[in-house]
Amino acid sequence: MSVFDVEIESLRGGAADLGQYRGKAVLVVNVASKCGLTPQYNGLERLQERYAERGFTVLGVPCNQFMGQEPGSAEEIAEFCSATYGVTFPLTEKVDVNGPARHPLYDELTGVADAEGHTGDIRWNFEKFLVAPDGAVVARFAPQAEPESAEVVSAVEGQLPR
């Protein structure tokens, strides 16, 4: 099984169909609207705009497990992301990323280590995972890693389909 085989709903309802991203590089990010890191939506959207035509997408996954920083309904989350940050990348349903109700998507992602060797539970909002076009999880970035940092951009560029 790969990330692309996991079933998850889209934020607006219905299947998100991760299989549509086979052959693309995907940056999966657990997002929240009321977090100190929420301004990272700006950088994530710029990555989306910069690389979308080259076979890349950001996939935002709302999560309310960190101090209740994503309390809104699907409609409220969608409106906030669109109106405040102009988000055009896809968003999934709100899910748990840790604990007994962890979504299967995060079961697939959390075994990969970041640069400091951290594996396992998500530490905070805006932790990032880069998925290669073949569905392999190839990189993990700490929540504080800015989306447009050299390390993230270099990793994304290295996974863009040839």
C-alpha atoms as a PDB file:
ATOM      1  CA  MET A   1       0.000   0.000   0.000  1.00  0.00           C
ATOM      2  CA  SER A   2       1.159   3.551  -0.694  1.00  0.00           C
ATOM      3  CA  VAL A   3      -0.102   6.980   0.296  1.00  0.00           C
ATOM      4  CA  PHE A   4      -1.965   7.072  -3.012  1.00  0.00           C
ATOM      5  CA  ASP A   5      -4.061   4.037  -1.970  1.00  0.00           C
ATOM      6  CA  VAL A   6      -5.351   5.567   1.277  1.00  0.00           C
ATOM      7  CA  GLU A   7      -9.009   6.574   1.372  1.00  0.00           C
ATOM      8  CA  ILE A   8      -9.749  10.018   2.746  1.00  0.00           C
ATOM      9  CA  GLU A   9     -12.552  12.501   2.203  1.00  0.00           C
ATOM     10  CA  SER A  10     -12.070  15.952   0.727  1.00  0.00           C
ATOM     11  CA  LEU A  11     -12.854  18.968   2.904  1.00  0.00           C
ATOM     12  CA  ARG A  12     -15.983  19.702   0.897  1.00  0.00           C
ATOM     13  CA  GLY A  13     -17.181  16.081   1.046  1.00  0.00           C
ATOM     14  CA  GLY A  14     -16.743  13.075  -1.204  1.00  0.00           C
ATOM     15  CA  ALA A  15     -13.592  11.067  -1.780  1.00  0.00           C
ATOM     16  CA  ALA A  16     -10.353  13.009  -2.113  1.00  0.00           C
ATOM     17  CA  ASP A  17      -9.001  10.243  -4.425  1.00  0.00           C
ATOM     18  CA  LEU A  18      -5.302  10.386  -3.606  1.00  0.00           C
ATOM     19  CA  GLY A  19      -4.750   8.070  -6.583  1.00  0.00           C
ATOM     20  CA  GLN A  20      -5.099  11.099  -8.842  1.00  0.00           C
ATOM     21  CA  TYR A  21      -1.680  12.224  -7.558  1.00  0.00           C
ATOM     22  CA  ARG A  22       0.190   9.147  -8.805  1.00  0.00           C
ATOM     23  CA  GLY A  23       2.989  10.443 -10.959  1.00  0.00           C
ATOM     24  CA  LYS A  24       3.155  13.748  -9.045  1.00  0.00           C
ATOM     25  CA  ALA A  25       5.174  14.998  -6.105  1.00  0.00           C
ATOM     26  CA  VAL A  26       2.935  15.804  -3.119  1.00  0.00           C
ATOM     27  CA  LEU A  27       3.706  17.795   0.020  1.00  0.00           C
ATOM     28  CA  VAL A  28       1.289  16.596   2.725  1.00  0.00           C
ATOM     29  CA  VAL A  29       0.890  19.101   5.575  1.00  0.00           C
ATOM     30  CA  ASN A  30      -1.295  18.938   8.684  1.00  0.00           C
ATOM     31  CA  VAL A  31      -2.751  22.431   8.840  1.00  0.00           C
ATOM     32  CA  ALA A  32      -4.585  24.610  11.369  1.00  0.00           C
ATOM     33  CA  SER A  33      -6.248  28.016  11.132  1.00  0.00           C
ATOM     34  CA  LYS A  34      -5.449  29.371  14.601  1.00  0.00           C
ATOM     35  CA  CYS A  35      -1.786  28.463  15.061  1.00  0.00           C
ATOM     36  CA  GLY A  36       1.300  30.650  15.255  1.00  0.00           C
ATOM     37  CA  LEU A  37       2.502  28.770  12.173  1.00  0.00           C
ATOM     38  CA  THR A  38      -0.697  29.432  10.177  1.00  0.00           C
ATOM     39  CA  PRO A  39       1.056  32.111   8.053  1.00  0.00           C
ATOM     40  CA  GLN A  40       2.893  29.167   6.427  1.00  0.00           C
ATOM     41  CA  TYR A  41      -0.221  28.929   4.254  1.00  0.00           C
ATOM     42  CA  ASN A  42       1.354  31.790   2.252  1.00  0.00           C
ATOM     43  CA  GLY A  43       4.483  29.802   1.449  1.00  0.00           C
ATOM     44  CA  LEU A  44       2.520  26.627   0.783  1.00  0.00           C
ATOM     45  CA  GLU A  45       0.334  28.473  -1.725  1.00  0.00           C
ATOM     46  CA  ARG A  46       3.404  29.968  -3.430  1.00  0.00           C
ATOM     47  CA  LEU A  47       4.894  26.461  -3.749  1.00  0.00           C
ATOM     48  CA  GLN A  48       1.613  25.306  -5.263  1.00  0.00           C
ATOM     49  CA  GLU A  49       1.617  28.147  -7.777  1.00  0.00           C
ATOM     50  CA  ARG A  50       5.308  27.718  -8.622  1.00  0.00           C
ATOM     51  CA  TYR A  51       5.312  23.957  -9.232  1.00  0.00           C
ATOM     52  CA  ALA A  52       1.725  22.863 -10.010  1.00  0.00           C
ATOM     53  CA  GLU A  53       2.309  22.814 -13.759  1.00  0.00           C
ATOM     54  CA  ARG A  54       5.414  20.664 -13.235  1.00  0.00           C
ATOM     55  CA  GLY A  55       3.565  17.812 -11.501  1.00  0.00           C
ATOM     56  CA  PHE A  56       3.343  18.952  -7.891  1.00  0.00           C
ATOM     57  CA  THR A  57       0.644  19.664  -5.329  1.00  0.00           C
ATOM     58  CA  VAL A  58       0.369  20.600  -1.704  1.00  0.00           C
ATOM     59  CA  LEU A  59      -2.235  18.556   0.158  1.00  0.00           C
ATOM     60  CA  GLY A  60      -3.518  20.243   3.316  1.00  0.00           C
ATOM     61  CA  VAL A  61      -4.890  18.001   6.062  1.00  0.00           C
ATOM     62  CA  PRO A  62      -6.737  19.948   8.771  1.00  0.00           C
ATOM     63  CA  CYS A  63      -6.217  18.666  12.300  1.00  0.00           C
ATOM     64  CA  ASN A  64      -7.561  19.898  15.643  1.00  0.00           C
ATOM     65  CA  GLN A  65      -5.328  17.816  17.942  1.00  0.00           C
ATOM     66  CA  PHE A  66      -2.895  20.570  18.914  1.00  0.00           C
ATOM     67  CA  MET A  67      -4.482  22.909  21.482  1.00  0.00           C
ATOM     68  CA  GLY A  68      -7.727  23.023  19.497  1.00  0.00           C
ATOM     69  CA  GLN A  69      -6.192  25.225  16.807  1.00  0.00           C
ATOM     70  CA  GLU A  70      -8.468  23.960  13.997  1.00  0.00           C
ATOM     71  CA  PRO A  71     -11.913  24.134  15.635  1.00  0.00           C
ATOM     72  CA  GLY A  72     -13.970  25.128  12.600  1.00  0.00           C
ATOM     73  CA  SER A  73     -16.376  23.194  10.438  1.00  0.00           C
ATOM     74  CA  ALA A  74     -15.391  22.164   6.938  1.00  0.00           C
ATOM     75  CA  GLU A  75     -17.136  25.253   5.563  1.00  0.00           C
ATOM     76  CA  GLU A  76     -15.375  27.561   8.028  1.00  0.00           C
ATOM     77  CA  ILE A  77     -11.971  26.034   7.254  1.00  0.00           C
ATOM     78  CA  ALA A  78     -12.520  26.348   3.499  1.00  0.00           C
ATOM     79  CA  GLU A  79     -13.672  29.971   3.809  1.00  0.00           C
ATOM     80  CA  PHE A  80     -10.744  30.893   6.069  1.00  0.00           C
ATOM     81  CA  CYS A  81      -8.159  29.330   3.759  1.00  0.00           C
ATOM     82  CA  SER A  82      -9.627  30.909   0.651  1.00  0.00           C
ATOM     83  CA  ALA A  83     -10.380  34.370   2.021  1.00  0.00           C
ATOM     84  CA  THR A  84      -7.323  34.803   4.233  1.00  0.00           C
ATOM     85  CA  TYR A  85      -4.582  33.050   2.253  1.00  0.00           C
ATOM     86  CA  GLY A  86      -6.010  32.502  -1.237  1.00  0.00           C
ATOM     87  CA  VAL A  87      -5.433  28.753  -0.926  1.00  0.00           C
ATOM     88  CA  THR A  88      -5.993  26.859  -4.170  1.00  0.00           C
ATOM     89  CA  PHE A  89      -4.402  23.539  -3.200  1.00  0.00           C
ATOM     90  CA  PRO A  90      -6.644  20.653  -2.123  1.00  0.00           C
ATOM     91  CA  LEU A  91      -7.694  20.169   1.485  1.00  0.00           C
ATOM     92  CA  THR A  92      -8.918  16.936   3.037  1.00  0.00           C
ATOM     93  CA  GLU A  93     -11.414  16.342   5.798  1.00  0.00           C
ATOM     94  CA  LYS A  94     -10.284  17.170   9.331  1.00  0.00           C
ATOM     95  CA  VAL A  95      -8.578  14.106  10.832  1.00  0.00           C
ATOM     96  CA  ASP A  96      -6.554  12.907  13.805  1.00  0.00           C
ATOM     97  CA  VAL A  97      -2.847  12.557  13.025  1.00  0.00           C
ATOM     98  CA  ASN A  98      -1.873  10.946  16.350  1.00  0.00           C
ATOM     99  CA  GLY A  99      -3.376   8.512  18.830  1.00  0.00           C
ATOM    100  CA  PRO A 100      -5.794   5.603  18.546  1.00  0.00           C
ATOM    101  CA  ALA A 101      -7.940   7.387  15.941  1.00  0.00           C
ATOM    102  CA  ARG A 102      -4.951   8.339  13.762  1.00  0.00           C
ATOM    103  CA  HIS A 103      -6.036   8.440  10.143  1.00  0.00           C
ATOM    104  CA  PRO A 104      -4.495   5.700   7.952  1.00  0.00           C
ATOM    105  CA  LEU A 105      -2.795   8.409   5.861  1.00  0.00           C
ATOM    106  CA  TYR A 106      -0.666   9.282   8.866  1.00  0.00           C
ATOM    107  CA  ASP A 107       0.028   5.599   9.527  1.00  0.00           C
ATOM    108  CA  GLU A 108       1.726   5.645   6.114  1.00  0.00           C
ATOM    109  CA  LEU A 109       3.603   8.914   6.713  1.00  0.00           C
ATOM    110  CA  THR A 110       4.907   8.825  10.288  1.00  0.00           C
ATOM    111  CA  GLY A 111       7.486   6.055   9.890  1.00  0.00           C
ATOM    112  CA  VAL A 112       9.739   8.415   7.933  1.00  0.00           C
ATOM    113  CA  ALA A 113      12.401  10.336   9.869  1.00  0.00           C
ATOM    114  CA  ASP A 114      13.061  14.052   9.588  1.00  0.00           C
ATOM    115  CA  ALA A 115      16.557  15.591   9.474  1.00  0.00           C
ATOM    116  CA  GLU A 116      16.903  15.183  13.265  1.00  0.00           C
ATOM    117  CA  GLY A 117      15.878  11.518  13.103  1.00  0.00           C
ATOM    118  CA  HIS A 118      12.377  12.018  14.543  1.00  0.00           C
ATOM    119  CA  THR A 119       9.839   9.377  13.532  1.00  0.00           C
ATOM    120  CA  GLY A 120       6.422   8.588  14.921  1.00  0.00           C
ATOM    121  CA  ASP A 121       3.891  11.036  16.251  1.00  0.00           C
ATOM    122  CA  ILE A 122       3.327  14.407  14.665  1.00  0.00           C
ATOM    123  CA  ARG A 123       4.768  17.060  16.960  1.00  0.00           C
ATOM    124  CA  TRP A 124       2.683  20.086  15.952  1.00  0.00           C
ATOM    125  CA  ASN A 125       0.690  21.726  13.178  1.00  0.00           C
ATOM    126  CA  PHE A 126       2.404  22.184   9.801  1.00  0.00           C
ATOM    127  CA  GLU A 127       4.627  19.101   9.893  1.00  0.00           C
ATOM    128  CA  LYS A 128       5.385  18.308   6.246  1.00  0.00           C
ATOM    129  CA  PHE A 129       5.889  15.055   4.321  1.00  0.00           C
ATOM    130  CA  LEU A 130       7.101  14.854   0.751  1.00  0.00           C
ATOM    131  CA  VAL A 131       5.666  12.003  -1.275  1.00  0.00           C
ATOM    132  CA  ALA A 132       7.437  10.988  -4.491  1.00  0.00           C
ATOM    133  CA  PRO A 133       5.552  10.384  -7.732  1.00  0.00           C
ATOM    134  CA  ASP A 134       5.707   6.617  -7.048  1.00  0.00           C
ATOM    135  CA  GLY A 135       3.990   7.044  -3.654  1.00  0.00           C
ATOM    136  CA  ALA A 136       7.093   6.611  -1.489  1.00  0.00           C
ATOM    137  CA  VAL A 137       7.419   9.003   1.446  1.00  0.00           C
ATOM    138  CA  VAL A 138      10.859  10.491   0.845  1.00  0.00           C
ATOM    139  CA  ALA A 139      11.211  13.372   3.313  1.00  0.00           C
ATOM    140  CA  ARG A 140       9.789  14.770   6.528  1.00  0.00           C
ATOM    141  CA  PHE A 141      10.137  18.353   7.704  1.00  0.00           C
ATOM    142  CA  ALA A 142       9.593  19.767  11.179  1.00  0.00           C
ATOM    143  CA  PRO A 143       6.662  22.134  11.700  1.00  0.00           C
ATOM    144  CA  GLN A 144       8.978  25.149  11.896  1.00  0.00           C
ATOM    145  CA  ALA A 145      10.528  24.413   8.467  1.00  0.00           C
ATOM    146  CA  GLU A 146       9.235  27.177   6.225  1.00  0.00           C
ATOM    147  CA  PRO A 147       7.626  25.890   3.019  1.00  0.00           C
ATOM    148  CA  GLU A 148       9.957  28.017   0.883  1.00  0.00           C
ATOM    149  CA  SER A 149      13.120  27.157   2.820  1.00  0.00           C
ATOM    150  CA  ALA A 150      16.053  25.852   0.805  1.00  0.00           C
ATOM    151  CA  GLU A 151      15.684  22.348   2.275  1.00  0.00           C
ATOM    152  CA  VAL A 152      12.005  22.020   1.355  1.00  0.00           C
ATOM    153  CA  VAL A 153      12.322  23.599  -2.099  1.00  0.00           C
ATOM    154  CA  SER A 154      15.357  21.458  -2.937  1.00  0.00           C
ATOM    155  CA  ALA A 155      13.543  18.292  -1.882  1.00  0.00           C
ATOM    156  CA  VAL A 156      10.427  19.232  -3.895  1.00  0.00           C
ATOM    157  CA  GLU A 157      12.486  20.051  -6.988  1.00  0.00           C
ATOM    158  CA  GLY A 158      14.269  16.721  -6.627  1.00  0.00           C
ATOM    159  CA  GLN A 159      10.944  14.853  -6.813  1.00  0.00           C
ATOM    160  CA  LEU A 160       9.271  16.696  -9.664  1.00  0.00           C
ATOM    161  CA  PRO A 161       8.437  14.271 -12.462  1.00  0.00           C
ATOM    162  CA  ARG A 162      11.010  14.293 -15.240  1.00  0.00           C
END
